[in-house]
Protein backbone atom coordinates (compact mmCIF):
# COMPACT_ATOMS: atom_id res chain seq x y z
CA MET A 1 93.34 -28.92 -13.29
CA THR A 2 94.23 -25.40 -12.10
CA LEU A 3 92.46 -23.31 -9.49
CA THR A 4 91.20 -20.93 -12.22
CA THR A 5 89.60 -23.80 -14.12
CA ILE A 6 87.91 -25.08 -10.99
CA LEU A 7 86.60 -21.59 -10.26
CA ARG A 8 85.18 -21.16 -13.75
CA ALA A 9 83.52 -24.61 -13.63
CA ALA A 10 81.97 -23.88 -10.24
CA LEU A 11 80.72 -20.50 -11.40
CA GLY A 12 79.21 -21.99 -14.59
CA ALA A 13 77.54 -24.79 -12.65
CA SER A 14 76.08 -22.37 -10.15
CA VAL A 15 74.73 -20.09 -12.87
CA CYS A 16 73.15 -23.05 -14.66
CA ALA A 17 71.63 -24.33 -11.47
CA ALA A 18 70.23 -20.92 -10.66
CA ALA A 19 68.73 -20.59 -14.13
CA LEU A 20 67.15 -24.03 -13.92
CA ASN A 21 65.73 -23.34 -10.49
CA ALA A 22 64.38 -20.00 -11.66
CA GLY A 23 62.62 -21.62 -14.62
CA ALA A 24 61.36 -24.62 -12.68
CA TYR A 25 59.96 -22.93 -9.65
CA ALA A 26 59.33 -19.38 -10.93
CA GLN A 27 60.95 -17.78 -7.86
CA SER A 28 60.66 -14.10 -7.21
CA THR A 29 63.15 -11.48 -8.33
CA ASP A 30 64.23 -10.77 -4.75
CA GLU A 31 65.06 -14.39 -4.13
CA LEU A 32 67.14 -14.54 -7.33
CA GLU A 33 69.02 -11.39 -6.40
CA ALA A 34 69.81 -12.86 -3.00
CA ARG A 35 71.17 -16.00 -4.59
CA LEU A 36 73.32 -13.95 -7.04
CA ALA A 37 74.70 -11.90 -4.18
CA ALA A 38 75.71 -15.07 -2.33
CA LEU A 39 77.32 -16.42 -5.51
CA GLU A 40 79.33 -13.22 -6.02
CA ALA A 41 80.56 -13.42 -2.44
CA MET A 42 81.73 -16.99 -3.06
CA VAL A 43 83.48 -15.92 -6.29
CA ALA A 44 85.26 -13.09 -4.47
CA GLU A 45 86.46 -15.54 -1.81
CA LEU A 46 87.78 -17.93 -4.43
CA ARG A 47 89.59 -15.09 -6.21
CA GLY A 48 91.28 -14.13 -2.96
CA GLU A 49 92.51 -17.69 -2.48
CA LEU A 50 93.78 -17.73 -6.09
CA ASP A 51 95.74 -14.48 -5.63
CA ALA A 52 97.28 -15.83 -2.42
CA ALA A 53 98.34 -19.02 -4.20
CA ARG A 54 99.93 -17.05 -7.02
CA ALA A 55 101.84 -14.91 -4.51
CA ASP A 56 103.13 -18.06 -2.77
CA ASN A 57 104.25 -19.50 -6.12
CA ALA A 58 106.10 -16.29 -7.03
CA ASP A 59 107.82 -16.21 -3.65
CA MET A 60 108.84 -19.87 -4.03
CA GLY A 61 110.30 -19.14 -7.49
CA GLU A 62 112.40 -16.30 -6.11
CA ARG A 63 113.66 -18.53 -3.32
CA VAL A 64 114.65 -21.24 -5.83
CA ILE A 65 116.55 -18.69 -7.93
CA GLU A 66 118.31 -17.44 -4.79
CA LEU A 67 119.34 -20.96 -3.76
CA GLU A 68 120.65 -21.74 -7.27
CA ALA A 69 122.72 -18.58 -7.19
CA ARG A 70 124.28 -19.63 -3.88
CA GLU A 71 125.19 -23.16 -5.13
CA PRO A 72 128.91 -23.32 -6.10
CA ALA A 73 129.71 -24.06 -9.75
CA PRO A 74 130.83 -27.64 -10.44
CA VAL A 75 134.63 -28.17 -10.59
CA THR A 76 135.86 -29.46 -13.94
CA ALA A 77 139.28 -31.01 -14.59
CA ALA A 78 141.66 -28.97 -16.70
CA ALA A 79 142.52 -30.78 -19.91
CA SER A 80 146.02 -31.43 -21.20
CA PRO A 81 146.95 -30.73 -24.82
CA ALA A 82 146.07 -34.36 -25.51
CA GLY A 83 142.82 -34.06 -23.56
CA ASN A 84 144.07 -36.01 -20.51
CA GLY A 85 144.05 -34.22 -17.17
CA PHE A 86 142.57 -33.80 -13.71
CA MET A 87 142.78 -31.59 -10.65
CA ALA A 88 144.46 -32.45 -7.33
CA GLY A 89 143.78 -29.60 -4.95
CA ASN A 90 144.78 -26.49 -6.88
CA THR A 91 147.27 -28.38 -9.08
CA THR A 92 146.42 -29.31 -12.65
CA ILE A 93 147.94 -32.69 -13.56
CA THR A 94 148.18 -33.82 -17.15
CA TYR A 95 149.55 -37.03 -18.58
CA GLY A 96 150.27 -38.66 -21.93
CA GLY A 97 152.74 -40.71 -23.91
CA PHE A 98 152.74 -43.49 -26.45
CA ILE A 99 153.10 -47.23 -26.87
CA ASP A 100 155.76 -47.99 -29.46
CA VAL A 101 156.46 -51.47 -30.82
CA ASP A 102 159.45 -51.80 -33.18
CA ALA A 103 160.69 -54.72 -35.24
CA HIS A 104 164.33 -54.37 -36.39
CA LEU A 105 166.30 -56.44 -38.87
CA THR A 106 169.98 -55.49 -38.59
CA ASP A 107 172.82 -56.58 -40.84
CA LEU A 108 176.43 -55.79 -39.84
CA SER A 109 179.45 -56.09 -42.11
CA ASP A 110 182.14 -56.43 -39.41
CA GLY A 111 181.22 -58.13 -36.19
CA ASP A 112 178.18 -58.18 -33.98
CA ILE A 113 176.33 -56.10 -31.38
CA ALA A 114 175.55 -57.84 -28.10
CA PRO A 115 171.87 -58.82 -27.71
CA SER A 116 171.59 -56.79 -24.49
CA SER A 117 173.11 -53.64 -26.00
CA ILE A 118 170.96 -50.54 -26.41
CA ALA A 119 172.49 -50.26 -29.89
CA ARG A 120 170.19 -53.11 -30.92
CA ASP A 121 167.18 -50.87 -30.20
CA PHE A 122 168.19 -47.68 -32.03
CA TYR A 123 171.02 -46.29 -34.12
CA ILE A 124 174.22 -45.49 -32.18
CA PRO A 125 176.91 -44.73 -34.79
CA GLY A 126 179.85 -45.22 -32.45
CA ALA A 127 178.69 -48.81 -31.76
CA ILE A 128 179.05 -50.02 -35.39
CA PRO A 129 181.62 -52.86 -35.28
CA VAL A 130 184.75 -52.34 -37.37
CA GLY A 131 187.41 -54.85 -38.35
CA GLY A 132 185.59 -57.98 -37.25
CA THR A 133 183.95 -60.83 -39.11
CA GLY A 134 180.45 -60.27 -40.43
CA ASP A 135 177.56 -62.42 -39.27
CA SER A 136 176.22 -65.00 -41.65
CA GLU A 137 172.66 -63.81 -41.01
CA PRO A 138 171.01 -60.55 -39.91
CA ASP A 139 169.78 -60.11 -36.33
CA PHE A 140 166.06 -59.70 -35.60
CA ASP A 141 164.77 -57.72 -32.60
CA PHE A 142 161.18 -57.14 -31.52
CA THR A 143 160.79 -54.60 -28.70
CA ALA A 144 158.39 -52.23 -26.96
CA GLN A 145 161.07 -50.55 -24.81
CA GLY A 146 160.68 -47.26 -26.67
CA SER A 147 157.22 -46.79 -25.12
CA ARG A 148 157.01 -43.59 -23.09
CA PHE A 149 154.82 -41.79 -20.58
CA PHE A 150 154.92 -38.44 -18.80
CA PHE A 151 153.21 -36.41 -16.11
CA ALA A 152 153.11 -32.60 -16.10
CA THR A 153 151.79 -30.25 -13.44
CA GLN A 154 150.78 -26.60 -13.08
CA THR A 155 150.22 -25.00 -9.68
CA PRO A 156 149.32 -21.34 -9.12
CA THR A 157 151.32 -19.55 -6.39
CA ASP A 158 151.82 -15.99 -5.18
CA LEU A 159 155.02 -15.90 -7.26
CA GLY A 160 153.35 -17.22 -10.41
CA ASP A 161 152.59 -20.66 -11.83
CA VAL A 162 154.98 -23.49 -10.95
CA THR A 163 155.13 -26.07 -13.74
CA SER A 164 156.90 -29.41 -13.89
CA ARG A 165 157.36 -32.45 -16.09
CA ILE A 166 158.63 -35.98 -15.45
CA GLU A 167 159.07 -38.45 -18.30
CA PHE A 168 160.12 -42.10 -18.59
CA ASP A 169 160.77 -44.78 -21.16
CA PHE A 170 162.35 -48.26 -20.93
CA LEU A 171 165.31 -48.19 -23.33
CA GLY A 172 168.69 -49.37 -22.08
CA SER A 173 167.22 -50.87 -18.93
CA PRO A 174 169.66 -53.11 -17.01
CA GLY A 175 166.79 -54.84 -15.24
CA GLY A 176 165.37 -56.96 -18.05
CA ASP A 177 166.21 -59.62 -20.59
CA GLU A 178 164.52 -61.40 -23.47
CA ARG A 179 164.41 -64.90 -21.97
CA VAL A 180 161.06 -64.93 -20.16
CA SER A 181 159.22 -61.78 -19.09
CA ASN A 182 161.04 -58.86 -20.76
CA SER A 183 160.51 -56.91 -17.52
CA TYR A 184 162.39 -53.69 -18.18
CA ASN A 185 162.86 -50.92 -15.63
CA PRO A 186 161.68 -47.38 -16.35
CA ARG A 187 164.43 -44.98 -17.44
CA LEU A 188 164.36 -41.32 -16.42
CA ARG A 189 164.33 -39.03 -19.46
CA VAL A 190 163.17 -35.65 -18.16
CA ALA A 191 162.50 -34.30 -14.64
CA TRP A 192 162.30 -30.54 -14.16
CA ALA A 193 160.37 -27.78 -12.40
CA GLN A 194 159.97 -24.18 -13.57
CA LEU A 195 158.97 -20.92 -11.93
CA GLY A 196 158.86 -17.85 -14.08
CA ASN A 197 161.93 -17.76 -16.32
CA TRP A 198 163.90 -20.31 -14.27
CA ARG A 199 163.95 -24.04 -14.97
CA VAL A 200 165.83 -26.51 -12.76
CA GLY A 201 166.23 -30.25 -13.32
CA GLN A 202 166.99 -32.70 -16.10
CA ASP A 203 165.98 -31.62 -19.58
CA TRP A 204 167.22 -31.47 -23.14
CA SER A 205 170.49 -29.56 -23.24
CA THR A 206 170.06 -25.89 -24.08
CA PHE A 207 172.76 -26.53 -26.70
CA GLN A 208 170.25 -28.73 -28.59
CA ASN A 209 167.21 -27.67 -30.61
CA THR A 210 164.83 -30.62 -30.65
CA ALA A 211 163.00 -29.16 -33.67
CA ALA A 212 165.92 -30.42 -35.79
CA ILE A 213 165.30 -34.10 -34.93
CA PRO A 214 164.04 -35.89 -38.07
CA GLU A 215 160.84 -37.91 -37.93
CA SER A 216 161.52 -41.65 -38.08
CA ALA A 217 159.94 -45.04 -37.59
CA SER A 218 162.65 -46.07 -35.14
CA PHE A 219 163.55 -44.30 -31.90
CA LEU A 220 166.30 -42.19 -33.49
CA VAL A 221 167.99 -41.75 -36.87
CA ALA A 222 170.58 -39.34 -38.28
CA SER A 223 172.24 -39.17 -34.88
CA ASP A 224 175.78 -39.02 -36.38
CA GLY A 225 175.86 -35.22 -36.70
CA MET A 226 173.03 -34.43 -34.30
CA VAL A 227 173.41 -32.60 -31.01
CA PHE A 228 171.62 -34.95 -28.62
CA VAL A 229 171.97 -34.65 -24.84
CA ARG A 230 169.61 -34.68 -21.84
CA GLN A 231 171.15 -33.72 -18.51
CA ALA A 232 170.72 -31.81 -15.24
CA GLN A 233 170.88 -28.03 -15.58
CA VAL A 234 169.76 -24.61 -14.42
CA ARG A 235 168.28 -22.56 -17.27
CA TYR A 236 167.17 -18.95 -17.52
CA THR A 237 165.02 -17.73 -20.42
CA ALA A 238 164.73 -14.06 -21.33
CA GLY A 239 162.64 -13.57 -24.46
CA ASN A 240 164.48 -15.22 -27.35
CA PHE A 241 167.64 -15.75 -25.27
CA GLN A 242 168.43 -18.73 -23.06
CA PHE A 243 171.36 -19.28 -20.71
CA SER A 244 172.19 -22.41 -18.76
CA LEU A 245 174.73 -24.11 -16.54
CA GLU A 246 174.74 -27.85 -17.22
CA ASN A 247 176.28 -31.05 -15.94
CA ALA A 248 179.95 -31.36 -16.89
CA ASP A 249 181.34 -34.73 -17.90
CA THR A 250 184.65 -35.31 -19.67
CA THR A 251 185.19 -38.34 -21.92
CA VAL A 252 188.83 -39.07 -22.71
CA THR A 253 190.61 -41.35 -25.18
CA PRO A 254 193.70 -42.90 -23.53
CA PHE A 255 197.09 -42.05 -24.97
CA GLY A 256 197.69 -44.24 -28.01
CA GLY A 257 194.03 -45.27 -28.23
CA GLY A 258 191.91 -47.80 -26.44
CA ALA A 259 188.78 -47.83 -24.35
CA ARG A 260 187.17 -44.55 -23.38
CA ILE A 261 187.89 -43.09 -19.96
CA GLU A 262 184.92 -41.20 -18.47
CA MET A 263 185.89 -38.68 -15.82
CA GLY A 264 183.47 -36.15 -14.35
CA ASP A 265 186.03 -34.30 -12.24
CA GLY A 266 185.38 -30.84 -13.69
CA ALA A 267 185.03 -28.11 -11.07
CA LEU A 268 182.84 -25.96 -13.34
CA PRO A 269 179.58 -26.74 -15.16
CA ASP A 270 179.23 -26.42 -18.92
CA ALA A 271 177.94 -22.95 -19.87
CA VAL A 272 175.50 -22.54 -22.79
CA ALA A 273 174.05 -19.46 -24.46
CA ARG A 274 171.35 -19.68 -27.12
CA TYR A 275 169.22 -17.41 -29.29
CA ASN A 276 165.91 -18.68 -30.71
CA LEU A 277 164.47 -17.40 -33.97
CA ARG A 278 160.88 -18.54 -34.50
CA SER A 279 158.03 -17.79 -36.88
CA ASP A 280 154.96 -19.57 -38.23
CA ASN A 281 157.06 -21.86 -40.45
CA ALA A 282 160.54 -21.75 -38.86
CA ASN A 283 162.23 -22.74 -35.62
CA ILE A 284 165.98 -21.99 -35.64
CA ALA A 285 168.42 -21.86 -32.73
CA PHE A 286 171.95 -20.43 -32.61
CA ALA A 287 173.91 -21.83 -29.67
CA ALA A 288 177.37 -21.61 -28.13
CA ILE A 289 178.92 -23.72 -25.40
CA ALA A 290 182.02 -23.33 -23.23
CA ARG A 291 183.48 -26.26 -21.32
CA ARG A 292 186.23 -26.89 -18.80
CA LEU A 293 187.46 -30.39 -19.58
CA SER A 294 189.08 -32.13 -16.63
CA ALA A 295 190.44 -35.63 -16.08
CA GLU A 296 192.24 -37.13 -13.13
CA GLY A 297 193.16 -40.74 -12.50
CA MET A 298 194.41 -43.77 -14.43
CA GLY A 299 197.63 -41.92 -15.22
CA VAL A 300 195.80 -38.81 -16.43
CA ASP A 301 195.78 -35.43 -14.68
CA GLY A 302 194.96 -32.52 -16.91
CA GLU A 303 192.61 -29.75 -17.88
CA ALA A 304 191.65 -28.13 -21.19
CA PHE A 305 189.17 -25.64 -22.61
CA GLY A 306 186.40 -26.84 -24.89
CA TRP A 307 183.99 -24.84 -27.02
CA GLY A 308 181.33 -25.32 -29.67
CA LEU A 309 179.08 -23.35 -32.02
CA SER A 310 175.88 -24.69 -33.56
CA VAL A 311 172.90 -23.73 -35.70
CA GLN A 312 169.94 -26.12 -35.72
CA GLY A 313 166.32 -25.98 -36.71
CA ARG A 314 163.34 -26.70 -38.92
CA VAL A 315 162.08 -24.56 -41.81
CA GLY A 316 158.97 -24.98 -43.93
CA VAL A 317 159.93 -25.04 -47.61
CA GLY A 318 156.66 -25.66 -49.40
CA GLU A 319 153.17 -26.96 -49.08
CA ARG A 320 153.11 -29.53 -46.25
CA SER A 321 156.89 -30.00 -46.24
CA ASP A 322 159.88 -28.91 -44.17
CA VAL A 323 163.66 -29.22 -43.95
CA ARG A 324 165.42 -30.08 -40.69
CA PHE A 325 169.10 -29.33 -40.28
CA SER A 326 172.00 -29.05 -37.88
CA LEU A 327 175.60 -27.85 -38.24
CA THR A 328 177.94 -27.97 -35.25
CA GLY A 329 181.66 -27.54 -34.80
CA GLY A 330 184.15 -27.04 -32.01
CA GLU A 331 186.78 -28.62 -29.80
CA GLY A 332 186.07 -30.88 -26.86
CA VAL A 333 182.34 -31.21 -27.56
CA GLY A 334 182.35 -34.83 -28.75
CA ARG A 335 180.02 -35.83 -25.91
CA TYR A 336 177.32 -33.54 -27.31
CA ILE A 337 177.39 -34.76 -30.93
CA GLY A 338 176.78 -38.18 -32.46
CA LEU A 339 175.91 -39.85 -29.13
CA ASN A 340 179.56 -39.51 -28.09
CA ALA A 341 180.89 -41.38 -31.14
CA ILE A 342 184.05 -39.29 -30.64
CA ASN A 343 185.41 -38.34 -27.23
CA GLY A 344 185.89 -34.84 -25.93
CA ALA A 345 189.64 -35.10 -25.33
CA VAL A 346 192.66 -37.35 -25.69
CA ALA A 347 195.39 -38.01 -23.12
CA THR A 348 198.98 -37.07 -23.92
CA ALA A 349 202.15 -38.98 -23.11
CA THR A 350 202.66 -36.76 -20.06
CA GLY A 351 199.17 -37.35 -18.70
CA ASP A 352 197.73 -34.04 -19.83
CA ILE A 353 194.65 -33.83 -22.08
CA GLU A 354 193.94 -32.10 -25.39
CA PRO A 355 190.46 -31.39 -26.83
CA ILE A 356 189.54 -33.19 -30.07
CA PRO A 357 188.21 -30.94 -32.88
CA VAL A 358 184.96 -32.18 -34.48
CA VAL A 359 182.43 -31.01 -37.06
CA GLY A 360 179.07 -32.60 -37.77
CA GLY A 361 175.69 -31.99 -39.27
CA LEU A 362 172.48 -33.43 -40.65
CA LEU A 363 169.95 -32.58 -43.33
CA ALA A 364 166.48 -34.15 -43.55
CA PHE A 365 163.40 -33.52 -45.70
CA ARG A 366 159.82 -34.27 -44.65
CA GLN A 367 156.81 -34.26 -47.01
CA GLU A 368 153.17 -34.84 -46.14
CA PHE A 369 150.84 -36.24 -48.78
CA GLY A 370 147.30 -37.54 -49.10
CA ALA A 371 144.22 -36.68 -47.09
CA ASN A 372 145.29 -39.00 -44.27
CA ASN A 373 148.41 -36.98 -43.36
CA ASN A 374 150.80 -39.60 -44.71
CA ARG A 375 154.43 -38.48 -44.88
CA PHE A 376 157.83 -39.63 -45.99
CA ASN A 377 161.22 -38.57 -44.65
CA LEU A 378 164.68 -38.64 -46.22
CA GLY A 379 167.92 -37.63 -44.55
CA VAL A 380 171.71 -37.78 -44.29
CA SER A 381 174.01 -37.17 -41.34
CA MET A 382 177.76 -37.13 -40.63
CA LEU A 383 180.39 -36.43 -37.98
CA GLU A 384 184.14 -36.12 -38.52
CA ALA A 385 187.04 -35.75 -36.08
CA ASP A 386 190.39 -34.09 -36.63
CA ASN A 387 192.36 -36.59 -34.57
CA ASP A 388 195.99 -36.17 -33.65
CA THR A 389 196.87 -39.75 -34.49
CA ALA A 390 200.12 -39.47 -32.54
CA LEU A 391 197.89 -39.28 -29.47
CA THR A 392 194.75 -41.20 -30.43
CA GLY A 393 196.44 -43.93 -32.46
CA MET A 394 195.29 -45.16 -35.87
CA GLY A 395 192.38 -47.08 -34.33
CA ALA A 396 190.48 -43.93 -33.37
CA THR A 397 187.16 -43.17 -35.05
CA ARG A 398 187.67 -40.72 -37.89
CA SER A 399 184.06 -40.37 -39.03
CA VAL A 400 180.53 -41.74 -38.86
CA ARG A 401 177.82 -41.17 -41.45
CA SER A 402 174.36 -42.44 -42.35
CA ALA A 403 171.37 -42.07 -44.66
CA PHE A 404 167.77 -43.07 -44.11
CA GLY A 405 164.28 -43.10 -45.59
CA ALA A 406 161.07 -43.48 -43.56
CA LEU A 407 157.39 -43.74 -44.47
CA MET A 408 154.73 -42.91 -41.84
CA ILE A 409 151.06 -43.85 -42.39
CA PRO A 410 148.33 -42.95 -39.84
CA VAL A 411 145.73 -45.74 -39.71
CA GLY A 412 143.43 -44.47 -36.97
CA PRO A 413 143.13 -41.94 -34.16
CA GLY A 414 146.56 -41.81 -32.54
CA VAL A 415 147.84 -44.89 -34.40
CA THR A 416 150.69 -44.66 -36.93
CA LEU A 417 152.47 -47.40 -38.87
CA GLY A 418 156.05 -46.77 -39.93
CA ALA A 419 158.59 -48.39 -42.23
CA GLU A 420 162.24 -47.35 -42.44
CA LEU A 421 165.55 -48.26 -44.03
CA LEU A 422 168.80 -46.95 -42.55
CA VAL A 423 172.41 -47.42 -43.66
CA GLY A 424 175.29 -46.29 -41.44
CA GLU A 425 179.08 -46.45 -41.65
CA ARG A 426 181.91 -45.96 -39.17
CA GLU A 427 185.48 -45.40 -40.36
CA LEU A 428 188.72 -45.49 -38.38
CA GLU A 429 191.90 -43.47 -38.89
CA ASN A 430 193.61 -46.53 -40.37
CA GLY A 431 191.04 -46.62 -43.19
CA THR A 432 189.09 -49.68 -42.08
CA SER A 433 185.34 -49.33 -41.79
CA GLY A 434 182.19 -51.20 -40.87
CA THR A 435 178.60 -50.77 -42.00
CA LEU A 436 175.18 -51.25 -40.49
CA THR A 437 172.00 -51.80 -42.50
CA ARG A 438 168.75 -51.80 -40.56
CA ALA A 439 165.13 -52.19 -41.65
CA THR A 440 162.47 -51.18 -39.12
CA VAL A 441 158.70 -51.61 -38.99
CA SER A 442 156.92 -49.82 -36.15
CA THR A 443 153.46 -49.38 -34.66
CA LYS A 444 152.88 -46.38 -32.41
CA TYR A 445 149.76 -45.47 -30.42
CA THR A 446 149.86 -41.97 -28.94
CA PHE A 447 147.58 -41.12 -26.01
């Protein structure tokens, strides 16, 4: 009950009492006037108290508003593109990745791939056995090593925002086996920091456009003619142009053929220049690379110049569909194409080296269908070397090629089921060849 209500009730009660007394005892007019004067004085006093209370309430309200204005706003964590993020000081940290479980059934025509080989987990064209005896039964592999996670940061500074990214998966780990625990070590994929237009660290080679990588149920398909390299580098971006100096590593075929010799003795890094052409439905990159091939040791001491030109990208071609492509050629760039199915150079009889010419490419089509964003992918890929057989011998790899089809079906938030069939072939200069046929079923949860 408010003070105003109490006042009105008291006033009404007093008036009633006065009226009753006046009727009951027939008091004089002077006495009644005296009583009314006293009542008015009491009412005036009560009104004064009411006004004072209202003033106090108003003052209290203003003080509350002032205090609320002084209270700092709550700090909220900045969200990553996937919605995962938090603040640490003035640094925004985001994280994400996926859990990927693949089941492979692999049939080889000529020989076998060792159970511990990374070629059992994804398609490496140069690892297809040739000239051996085929297995009586296909090999089955069930693995989660393709699972991946990353952390990214953004920190404001007086020079601008410093951003970084570090990324791991577990493929090719030397620290695990399939006997008991399958305890595989993390493998560094990406680790870089960037300030302004400068990026330093390990990242995808500037010579590669990742937009050209086809979608697949397995870790990687169509790698035969694909530029695919991650390595340490210093990169500068100016608008659509990119320039980088990257880790140099020379892979050499011994004179007459044989096992690869890997020699990173180059005194100069690989130099890459690239121009990006992008629009709402296209992402195309034109790239050039210059290399100083160098090898010293094991009877080899030589240098040679290597170069390569490439166009790679993805273009939308219709409703909910796109084409992904790559075309690359050059000399001494075998390490950059086909997962090094062909080496960069070959040793001569005098111990010098000569770059090996190569040309490769891929073409893949992706179509979405249905309300659930289902999609299927089809693609072909190839890489061919122009070997000097007098140097490489007739056992050198002449070409690798493959074709694949993949169906991807989302079944829930972040969860996609995949099914894929891949057929690959490796051919030597002497005409012998071996094939790989692999069926893959995958389950991927992206977070």
